[in-house]
Structure formats: C-alpha cells, structure tokens
Amino acid sequence: MTLLGVAIAPHADELSGPGAPTLQAGSLDHALWFHAPARPDEWLLYDQVSPWAARGRGLCRGAIWTRDGTRVATVVQEGLIRPVPAA
C-alpha cells in the first residue's frame, strides 16, 4: 500500500493538521514484474511516481534498481482514495 502514498503526497498540506480528513485507500488493481534476480538483503532503490490522480483515484508506478543500475522489477497500482465520512 505504500505506492498509493505517492498519489497523496502532493496534497500533504491539505491532509494534515486539525480538521483534516482521514483517508481510506484500497487497491483496485496492481501488478509486479521481476526483470532480473536481486538480493533483498542488499541495497535497492525503489523509485515511485504518480503520473495521474483525480476523482478519488490514483495511478502509481515504481521501479526497483540495484546499486549497479540494473532494473530488477517494475510495479504498478491503481487505487481508490476517499475521505472517511464523519461519524
């Protein structure tokens, strides 16, 4: 679920502080592709971007790289992001 946080990040000022809404997020679709072997106990860079977010949905993608610059995986997620109704 960390990938959806990238779609929310540009709105951090609006979503923090007193009276800010609580958000509820859920994955609508996601995928992970492995391109090359990698050791999870070694350094990896996880680059994440959100090329689109609107109308309560966000599209996010990520790339995982080794220290020598080999891309070892690609991830994509589309999610639903909504404020929780007040009680």
N, C-alpha and C. Protein backbone atom coordinates (compact mmCIF):
# COMPACT_ATOMS: atom_id res chain seq x y z
N MET A 1 0.81 -1.20 0.00
CA MET A 1 0.00 0.00 0.00
C MET A 1 0.86 1.27 0.00
N THR A 2 2.16 1.16 0.14
CA THR A 2 2.98 2.38 0.15
C THR A 2 2.94 3.10 -1.18
N LEU A 3 2.69 2.40 -2.25
CA LEU A 3 2.69 3.02 -3.57
C LEU A 3 1.58 4.07 -3.69
N LEU A 4 0.42 3.84 -3.11
CA LEU A 4 -0.67 4.82 -3.19
C LEU A 4 -0.32 6.12 -2.46
N GLY A 5 0.57 6.07 -1.51
CA GLY A 5 1.00 7.28 -0.81
C GLY A 5 1.62 8.30 -1.74
N VAL A 6 2.17 7.84 -2.85
CA VAL A 6 2.78 8.75 -3.83
C VAL A 6 1.70 9.63 -4.48
N ALA A 7 0.51 9.09 -4.69
CA ALA A 7 -0.59 9.88 -5.27
C ALA A 7 -1.12 10.90 -4.28
N ILE A 8 -0.99 10.62 -2.99
CA ILE A 8 -1.49 11.50 -1.95
C ILE A 8 -0.48 12.59 -1.59
N ALA A 9 0.80 12.32 -1.78
CA ALA A 9 1.87 13.23 -1.34
C ALA A 9 1.70 14.69 -1.78
N PRO A 10 1.28 15.00 -3.02
CA PRO A 10 1.13 16.41 -3.40
C PRO A 10 0.08 17.17 -2.59
N HIS A 11 -0.79 16.44 -1.88
CA HIS A 11 -1.87 17.04 -1.12
C HIS A 11 -1.60 17.02 0.38
N ALA A 12 -0.36 16.82 0.77
CA ALA A 12 0.01 16.66 2.18
C ALA A 12 -0.42 17.85 3.03
N ASP A 13 -0.29 19.08 2.52
CA ASP A 13 -0.68 20.26 3.30
C ASP A 13 -2.17 20.26 3.61
N GLU A 14 -2.98 19.86 2.65
CA GLU A 14 -4.43 19.84 2.83
C GLU A 14 -4.87 18.71 3.74
N LEU A 15 -4.05 17.67 3.83
CA LEU A 15 -4.44 16.46 4.56
C LEU A 15 -3.79 16.33 5.91
N SER A 16 -3.24 17.42 6.43
CA SER A 16 -2.62 17.37 7.75
C SER A 16 -3.14 18.51 8.60
N GLY A 17 -3.00 18.37 9.88
CA GLY A 17 -3.43 19.41 10.81
C GLY A 17 -4.83 19.20 11.32
N PRO A 18 -5.27 20.08 12.21
CA PRO A 18 -6.60 19.96 12.81
C PRO A 18 -7.70 20.05 11.76
N GLY A 19 -8.67 19.18 11.87
CA GLY A 19 -9.81 19.19 10.95
C GLY A 19 -9.56 18.54 9.62
N ALA A 20 -8.36 18.03 9.40
CA ALA A 20 -8.05 17.37 8.12
C ALA A 20 -8.80 16.03 8.04
N PRO A 21 -9.26 15.67 6.85
CA PRO A 21 -9.99 14.41 6.73
C PRO A 21 -9.07 13.20 6.89
N THR A 22 -9.64 12.12 7.38
CA THR A 22 -8.94 10.85 7.41
C THR A 22 -9.21 10.17 6.07
N LEU A 23 -8.19 9.56 5.51
CA LEU A 23 -8.36 8.92 4.20
C LEU A 23 -8.47 7.41 4.32
N GLN A 24 -9.18 6.86 3.39
CA GLN A 24 -9.30 5.42 3.25
C GLN A 24 -8.81 5.08 1.84
N ALA A 25 -7.92 4.12 1.74
CA ALA A 25 -7.36 3.76 0.43
C ALA A 25 -7.50 2.25 0.21
N GLY A 26 -7.70 1.89 -1.02
CA GLY A 26 -7.78 0.48 -1.37
C GLY A 26 -7.27 0.25 -2.77
N SER A 27 -6.66 -0.88 -2.98
CA SER A 27 -6.12 -1.21 -4.29
C SER A 27 -7.22 -1.69 -5.22
N LEU A 28 -7.29 -1.10 -6.41
CA LEU A 28 -8.23 -1.55 -7.43
C LEU A 28 -7.56 -2.57 -8.36
N ASP A 29 -6.28 -2.36 -8.60
CA ASP A 29 -5.53 -3.26 -9.48
C ASP A 29 -4.05 -3.05 -9.21
N HIS A 30 -3.29 -4.09 -9.25
CA HIS A 30 -1.85 -3.96 -9.05
C HIS A 30 -1.12 -5.11 -9.73
N ALA A 31 0.14 -4.86 -10.05
CA ALA A 31 0.96 -5.88 -10.70
C ALA A 31 2.42 -5.66 -10.33
N LEU A 32 3.18 -6.75 -10.38
CA LEU A 32 4.61 -6.71 -10.10
C LEU A 32 5.30 -7.61 -11.12
N TRP A 33 6.30 -7.06 -11.80
CA TRP A 33 7.07 -7.83 -12.77
C TRP A 33 8.52 -7.88 -12.33
N PHE A 34 9.11 -9.04 -12.29
CA PHE A 34 10.53 -9.19 -11.99
C PHE A 34 11.28 -9.30 -13.31
N HIS A 35 12.35 -8.51 -13.46
CA HIS A 35 13.12 -8.49 -14.69
C HIS A 35 14.48 -9.17 -14.56
N ALA A 36 15.01 -9.18 -13.36
CA ALA A 36 16.35 -9.75 -13.13
C ALA A 36 16.43 -10.18 -11.67
N PRO A 37 17.31 -11.12 -11.36
CA PRO A 37 17.47 -11.52 -9.97
C PRO A 37 18.06 -10.39 -9.12
N ALA A 38 17.65 -10.35 -7.86
CA ALA A 38 18.18 -9.36 -6.92
C ALA A 38 18.18 -9.95 -5.53
N ARG A 39 19.09 -9.48 -4.72
CA ARG A 39 19.16 -9.94 -3.32
C ARG A 39 18.45 -8.92 -2.44
N PRO A 40 17.42 -9.32 -1.72
CA PRO A 40 16.70 -8.36 -0.88
C PRO A 40 17.51 -7.88 0.33
N ASP A 41 18.62 -8.56 0.64
CA ASP A 41 19.45 -8.13 1.77
C ASP A 41 20.55 -7.16 1.33
N GLU A 42 20.53 -6.75 0.06
CA GLU A 42 21.47 -5.76 -0.44
C GLU A 42 20.72 -4.47 -0.77
N TRP A 43 21.47 -3.39 -1.01
CA TRP A 43 20.90 -2.07 -1.30
C TRP A 43 20.05 -2.12 -2.56
N LEU A 44 18.82 -1.58 -2.48
CA LEU A 44 17.93 -1.44 -3.63
C LEU A 44 17.30 -0.06 -3.58
N LEU A 45 17.12 0.55 -4.74
CA LEU A 45 16.44 1.83 -4.85
C LEU A 45 15.03 1.57 -5.34
N TYR A 46 14.04 2.10 -4.63
CA TYR A 46 12.64 1.96 -5.03
C TYR A 46 12.13 3.35 -5.42
N ASP A 47 12.08 3.62 -6.71
CA ASP A 47 11.65 4.91 -7.25
C ASP A 47 10.15 4.83 -7.54
N GLN A 48 9.37 5.77 -6.99
CA GLN A 48 7.92 5.75 -7.14
C GLN A 48 7.42 7.07 -7.70
N VAL A 49 6.46 7.02 -8.62
CA VAL A 49 5.84 8.22 -9.19
C VAL A 49 4.34 7.99 -9.34
N SER A 50 3.60 9.08 -9.39
CA SER A 50 2.16 9.02 -9.68
C SER A 50 1.90 9.92 -10.88
N PRO A 51 1.76 9.33 -12.07
CA PRO A 51 1.55 10.14 -13.26
C PRO A 51 0.13 10.70 -13.37
N TRP A 52 -0.81 10.19 -12.56
CA TRP A 52 -2.18 10.67 -12.64
C TRP A 52 -2.92 10.39 -11.34
N ALA A 53 -3.68 11.36 -10.87
CA ALA A 53 -4.56 11.20 -9.72
C ALA A 53 -5.69 12.21 -9.83
N ALA A 54 -6.93 11.73 -9.78
CA ALA A 54 -8.09 12.62 -9.85
C ALA A 54 -9.34 11.82 -9.51
N ARG A 55 -10.39 12.54 -9.10
CA ARG A 55 -11.71 11.95 -8.84
C ARG A 55 -11.65 10.73 -7.90
N GLY A 56 -10.81 10.82 -6.87
CA GLY A 56 -10.75 9.76 -5.87
C GLY A 56 -9.96 8.53 -6.27
N ARG A 57 -9.21 8.64 -7.36
CA ARG A 57 -8.40 7.50 -7.79
C ARG A 57 -6.98 7.97 -8.08
N GLY A 58 -6.04 7.05 -7.96
CA GLY A 58 -4.65 7.38 -8.25
C GLY A 58 -3.97 6.24 -8.98
N LEU A 59 -3.14 6.59 -9.94
CA LEU A 59 -2.33 5.61 -10.66
C LEU A 59 -0.88 5.84 -10.25
N CYS A 60 -0.23 4.78 -9.82
CA CYS A 60 1.15 4.88 -9.35
C CYS A 60 1.98 3.79 -9.99
N ARG A 61 3.27 4.10 -10.17
CA ARG A 61 4.17 3.08 -10.69
C ARG A 61 5.52 3.21 -10.00
N GLY A 62 6.23 2.14 -9.96
CA GLY A 62 7.53 2.15 -9.31
C GLY A 62 8.52 1.28 -10.06
N ALA A 63 9.78 1.56 -9.84
CA ALA A 63 10.87 0.78 -10.42
C ALA A 63 11.85 0.47 -9.30
N ILE A 64 12.35 -0.75 -9.28
CA ILE A 64 13.31 -1.17 -8.27
C ILE A 64 14.64 -1.44 -8.98
N TRP A 65 15.71 -0.80 -8.48
CA TRP A 65 17.03 -0.83 -9.10
C TRP A 65 18.06 -1.36 -8.11
N THR A 66 19.08 -2.04 -8.62
CA THR A 66 20.22 -2.45 -7.80
C THR A 66 21.24 -1.31 -7.77
N ARG A 67 22.24 -1.46 -6.92
CA ARG A 67 23.28 -0.43 -6.79
C ARG A 67 24.01 -0.20 -8.12
N ASP A 68 24.16 -1.24 -8.94
CA ASP A 68 24.90 -1.07 -10.21
C ASP A 68 24.01 -0.56 -11.35
N GLY A 69 22.74 -0.21 -11.06
CA GLY A 69 21.86 0.38 -12.07
C GLY A 69 21.02 -0.61 -12.85
N THR A 70 20.95 -1.85 -12.41
CA THR A 70 20.12 -2.84 -13.07
C THR A 70 18.69 -2.72 -12.56
N ARG A 71 17.76 -2.58 -13.49
CA ARG A 71 16.34 -2.55 -13.09
C ARG A 71 15.91 -3.99 -12.86
N VAL A 72 15.48 -4.28 -11.65
CA VAL A 72 15.14 -5.66 -11.31
C VAL A 72 13.64 -5.90 -11.22
N ALA A 73 12.84 -4.83 -11.09
CA ALA A 73 11.39 -5.02 -11.00
C ALA A 73 10.66 -3.73 -11.35
N THR A 74 9.41 -3.91 -11.78
CA THR A 74 8.50 -2.81 -12.06
C THR A 74 7.19 -3.11 -11.35
N VAL A 75 6.60 -2.10 -10.72
CA VAL A 75 5.32 -2.26 -10.05
C VAL A 75 4.36 -1.19 -10.54
N VAL A 76 3.07 -1.52 -10.58
CA VAL A 76 2.03 -0.58 -10.97
C VAL A 76 0.83 -0.83 -10.06
N GLN A 77 0.18 0.26 -9.66
CA GLN A 77 -1.02 0.12 -8.84
C GLN A 77 -1.98 1.24 -9.14
N GLU A 78 -3.26 0.89 -9.25
CA GLU A 78 -4.33 1.89 -9.31
C GLU A 78 -5.13 1.72 -8.03
N GLY A 79 -5.45 2.84 -7.39
CA GLY A 79 -6.14 2.73 -6.12
C GLY A 79 -7.25 3.73 -5.97
N LEU A 80 -8.14 3.42 -5.05
CA LEU A 80 -9.23 4.29 -4.68
C LEU A 80 -8.81 5.03 -3.41
N ILE A 81 -8.98 6.34 -3.39
CA ILE A 81 -8.57 7.16 -2.24
C ILE A 81 -9.74 8.08 -1.91
N ARG A 82 -10.35 7.87 -0.75
CA ARG A 82 -11.52 8.64 -0.38
C ARG A 82 -11.44 9.11 1.06
N PRO A 83 -12.06 10.25 1.38
CA PRO A 83 -12.12 10.66 2.78
C PRO A 83 -13.11 9.76 3.52
N VAL A 84 -12.83 9.51 4.79
CA VAL A 84 -13.72 8.71 5.63
C VAL A 84 -14.84 9.63 6.09
N PRO A 85 -16.11 9.21 5.94
CA PRO A 85 -17.22 10.07 6.39
C PRO A 85 -17.13 10.35 7.88
N ALA A 86 -17.52 11.56 8.26
CA ALA A 86 -17.51 11.94 9.68
C ALA A 86 -18.56 11.14 10.43
N ALA A 87 -18.24 10.79 11.66
CA ALA A 87 -19.16 9.99 12.47
C ALA A 87 -20.27 10.83 13.04
